[in-house]
């Protein structure tokens, strides 16, 4: 199966990235783009999270609920974004089409790939070993890692967002990184014209 963009990771940054990219489906530059997200959530730090300080989220919101509600939101609003469940990524390799993503069940090809996994060890995806380095903002005692990048770009067509990009583990920051990567990809699709997607209330 081939994609124009494949997101690896169904946590906050990965789902936010998918929502922003999915929301551009009516734009000429995004029409007919095939987008997928590997919804591997078992080790997401949201599983045990409780939120009292996130703008727009009611006090006491559970991270585990966000994981489920995020899948539903993506499915209901942007069903053209393929959600791939219960697969673990084993390798991300260069290919003629861009990248070959091998999971424990399937192989996928994508022109662009977004790595949206958390910063915990061990990080064992073949093809990405050379980019692993100590996390620059985490507590040294926690021994976290990141993938070497410049403004979320590892190399042409390969992006990273969330804590694995080197940002701090904070919900709003992680979500923002996913949205940032999404708009970077949309910008590339839009002939490198700076791009964002806003919905507005139309006044009668």
Protein backbone atom coordinates (compact mmCIF):
# COMPACT_ATOMS: atom_id res chain seq x y z
CA UNK A 1 0.00 0.00 0.00
CA UNK A 2 1.34 3.44 -0.91
CA UNK A 3 0.78 6.84 0.71
CA UNK A 4 1.71 10.43 0.08
CA UNK A 5 2.19 10.83 3.83
CA UNK A 6 2.34 8.17 6.54
CA UNK A 7 2.38 9.14 10.23
CA UNK A 8 3.87 6.69 12.70
CA UNK A 9 2.35 7.02 16.17
CA UNK A 10 -1.16 7.63 17.47
CA UNK A 11 -0.38 9.87 20.44
CA UNK A 12 -1.11 13.59 20.72
CA UNK A 13 1.47 14.80 18.19
CA UNK A 14 0.68 12.12 15.62
CA UNK A 15 -3.09 12.59 15.80
CA UNK A 16 -2.79 16.38 15.74
CA UNK A 17 -0.60 16.09 12.66
CA UNK A 18 -3.17 13.81 11.01
CA UNK A 19 -6.06 16.14 11.89
CA UNK A 20 -4.40 19.19 10.34
CA UNK A 21 -3.33 17.37 7.19
CA UNK A 22 -6.75 15.73 6.96
CA UNK A 23 -8.48 19.09 7.26
CA UNK A 24 -6.87 20.32 4.03
CA UNK A 25 -8.64 17.76 1.86
CA UNK A 26 -10.66 20.42 0.00
CA UNK A 27 -7.58 22.39 -1.00
CA UNK A 28 -6.36 21.87 -4.55
CA UNK A 29 -2.84 21.01 -3.39
CA UNK A 30 -4.12 18.31 -1.01
CA UNK A 31 -6.86 16.76 -3.14
CA UNK A 32 -6.37 13.06 -3.76
CA UNK A 33 -3.40 12.88 -1.37
CA UNK A 34 -3.35 9.53 0.38
CA UNK A 35 -2.66 9.94 4.09
CA UNK A 36 -2.36 7.24 6.75
CA UNK A 37 -1.52 6.97 10.43
CA UNK A 38 -0.23 3.90 12.25
CA UNK A 39 -2.20 4.16 15.48
CA UNK A 40 0.24 2.42 17.79
CA UNK A 41 -0.91 3.76 21.20
CA UNK A 42 -0.02 1.08 23.71
CA UNK A 43 3.10 2.85 24.98
CA UNK A 44 1.77 6.39 24.62
CA UNK A 45 2.41 8.50 27.72
CA UNK A 46 -1.20 9.66 27.42
CA UNK A 47 -2.31 6.30 28.81
CA UNK A 48 -1.59 7.50 32.36
CA UNK A 49 -2.00 11.26 31.92
CA UNK A 50 -4.37 13.58 33.80
CA UNK A 51 -4.83 17.14 32.47
CA UNK A 52 -5.69 20.16 34.57
CA UNK A 53 -3.68 22.86 32.79
CA UNK A 54 -4.43 22.57 29.06
CA UNK A 55 -6.37 25.37 27.39
CA UNK A 56 -9.67 24.06 26.06
CA UNK A 57 -9.62 20.76 27.96
CA UNK A 58 -11.92 20.42 30.99
CA UNK A 59 -10.10 19.97 34.29
CA UNK A 60 -9.65 16.28 35.03
CA UNK A 61 -9.51 15.16 31.40
CA UNK A 62 -7.82 11.76 31.11
CA UNK A 63 -5.17 11.08 28.51
CA UNK A 64 -6.65 7.64 27.89
CA UNK A 65 -9.93 9.30 26.92
CA UNK A 66 -8.13 11.65 24.53
CA UNK A 67 -6.59 8.65 22.79
CA UNK A 68 -10.03 7.18 22.11
CA UNK A 69 -11.75 10.48 21.35
CA UNK A 70 -8.94 11.48 19.00
CA UNK A 71 -9.44 8.34 16.93
CA UNK A 72 -13.16 9.02 16.75
CA UNK A 73 -12.64 12.68 15.82
CA UNK A 74 -10.24 11.76 13.04
CA UNK A 75 -12.55 9.03 11.78
CA UNK A 76 -15.69 11.18 11.85
CA UNK A 77 -14.24 14.39 10.43
CA UNK A 78 -11.62 13.09 8.03
CA UNK A 79 -12.41 9.47 7.16
CA UNK A 80 -10.12 9.69 4.13
CA UNK A 81 -7.16 9.49 6.55
CA UNK A 82 -6.51 5.75 6.90
CA UNK A 83 -6.14 4.58 10.50
CA UNK A 84 -3.98 1.46 10.70
CA UNK A 85 -4.51 -0.38 13.96
CA UNK A 86 -2.46 -2.91 15.94
CA UNK A 87 0.77 -2.79 13.94
CA UNK A 88 4.25 -2.10 15.27
CA UNK A 89 6.82 -0.43 13.05
CA UNK A 90 10.05 -2.39 12.70
CA UNK A 91 11.92 -0.35 10.10
CA UNK A 92 11.83 2.83 8.02
CA UNK A 93 14.04 2.45 4.96
CA UNK A 94 14.87 4.57 1.93
CA UNK A 95 13.11 3.52 -1.25
CA UNK A 96 12.59 4.80 -4.78
CA UNK A 97 9.15 6.09 -3.77
CA UNK A 98 10.51 7.82 -0.69
CA UNK A 99 10.36 5.43 2.24
CA UNK A 100 9.48 1.81 2.88
CA UNK A 101 7.85 1.24 6.27
CA UNK A 102 7.86 -2.34 7.50
CA UNK A 103 5.61 -3.38 10.39
CA UNK A 104 5.10 -6.72 12.12
CA UNK A 105 2.23 -7.37 9.68
CA UNK A 106 2.66 -5.33 6.48
CA UNK A 107 4.85 -3.19 4.25
CA UNK A 108 3.95 0.35 3.21
CA UNK A 109 5.49 2.90 0.88
CA UNK A 110 5.21 6.63 1.42
CA UNK A 111 6.66 9.77 -0.13
CA UNK A 112 6.73 11.42 3.29
CA UNK A 113 6.95 9.85 6.74
CA UNK A 114 6.36 11.48 10.13
CA UNK A 115 7.82 9.78 13.22
CA UNK A 116 5.51 10.68 16.13
CA UNK A 117 6.60 8.28 18.87
CA UNK A 118 7.67 9.08 22.41
CA UNK A 119 11.20 9.64 23.65
CA UNK A 120 11.60 6.52 25.80
CA UNK A 121 14.27 3.87 25.41
CA UNK A 122 14.70 1.47 23.79
CA UNK A 123 14.07 3.05 20.39
CA UNK A 124 14.41 0.15 17.99
CA UNK A 125 13.32 1.11 14.47
CA UNK A 126 15.82 -0.05 11.89
CA UNK A 127 16.92 2.64 9.47
CA UNK A 128 16.75 5.42 12.05
CA UNK A 129 19.61 4.38 14.33
CA UNK A 130 22.02 7.00 12.97
CA UNK A 131 19.71 9.82 14.06
CA UNK A 132 19.33 8.80 17.71
CA UNK A 133 20.94 11.14 20.25
CA UNK A 134 20.42 12.15 23.89
CA UNK A 135 17.33 14.29 24.45
CA UNK A 136 18.35 17.93 24.81
CA UNK A 137 15.52 19.05 27.11
CA UNK A 138 14.66 16.04 29.26
CA UNK A 139 16.04 15.34 32.73
CA UNK A 140 19.38 13.61 32.16
CA UNK A 141 18.53 11.06 34.85
CA UNK A 142 15.57 9.84 32.76
CA UNK A 143 17.87 8.92 29.87
CA UNK A 144 15.50 10.00 27.07
CA UNK A 145 16.35 10.15 23.38
CA UNK A 146 15.48 12.24 20.34
CA UNK A 147 16.03 11.99 16.60
CA UNK A 148 18.44 14.56 15.19
CA UNK A 149 16.47 17.13 13.22
CA UNK A 150 16.29 20.75 12.14
CA UNK A 151 12.85 22.28 12.76
CA UNK A 152 11.33 18.76 12.81
CA UNK A 153 12.93 17.75 9.51
CA UNK A 154 15.36 14.80 9.72
CA UNK A 155 16.02 14.71 5.99
CA UNK A 156 14.03 15.21 2.82
CA UNK A 157 10.58 13.70 3.28
CA UNK A 158 11.29 12.39 6.79
CA UNK A 159 9.94 14.32 9.78
CA UNK A 160 9.74 13.88 13.55
CA UNK A 161 7.33 15.49 16.02
CA UNK A 162 6.40 15.13 19.67
CA UNK A 163 8.93 14.48 22.42
CA UNK A 164 11.11 12.48 20.03
CA UNK A 165 11.85 15.74 18.20
CA UNK A 166 13.59 17.20 21.26
CA UNK A 167 10.71 19.17 22.77
CA UNK A 168 9.56 18.93 26.37
CA UNK A 169 6.89 16.49 27.46
CA UNK A 170 3.95 18.88 27.70
CA UNK A 171 0.60 18.22 26.00
CA UNK A 172 0.24 21.61 24.31
CA UNK A 173 3.84 21.56 23.09
CA UNK A 174 3.52 18.06 21.64
CA UNK A 175 0.25 18.91 19.89
CA UNK A 176 1.80 22.08 18.49
CA UNK A 177 4.75 20.17 17.07
CA UNK A 178 2.39 17.82 15.23
CA UNK A 179 0.47 20.77 13.79
CA UNK A 180 3.74 22.43 12.77
CA UNK A 181 4.92 19.38 10.86
CA UNK A 182 1.50 19.10 9.20
CA UNK A 183 1.67 22.68 7.93
CA UNK A 184 5.24 22.11 6.73
CA UNK A 185 4.05 19.16 4.65
CA UNK A 186 1.06 21.10 3.33
CA UNK A 187 3.43 23.92 2.39
CA UNK A 188 5.56 21.52 0.34
CA UNK A 189 2.45 20.19 -1.40
CA UNK A 190 1.42 23.81 -2.09
CA UNK A 191 4.57 24.47 -4.17
CA UNK A 192 6.33 25.77 -1.04
CA UNK A 193 3.86 28.62 -0.54
CA UNK A 194 3.50 29.06 3.26
CA UNK A 195 0.31 27.24 4.19
CA UNK A 196 -2.07 26.78 7.12
CA UNK A 197 -5.65 25.54 7.46
CA UNK A 198 -8.20 27.61 9.37
CA UNK A 199 -11.95 27.14 9.65
CA UNK A 200 -13.94 30.34 10.11
CA UNK A 201 -17.45 31.29 11.12
CA UNK A 202 -19.20 32.73 8.09
CA UNK A 203 -21.26 35.78 9.09
CA UNK A 204 -24.55 36.22 7.27
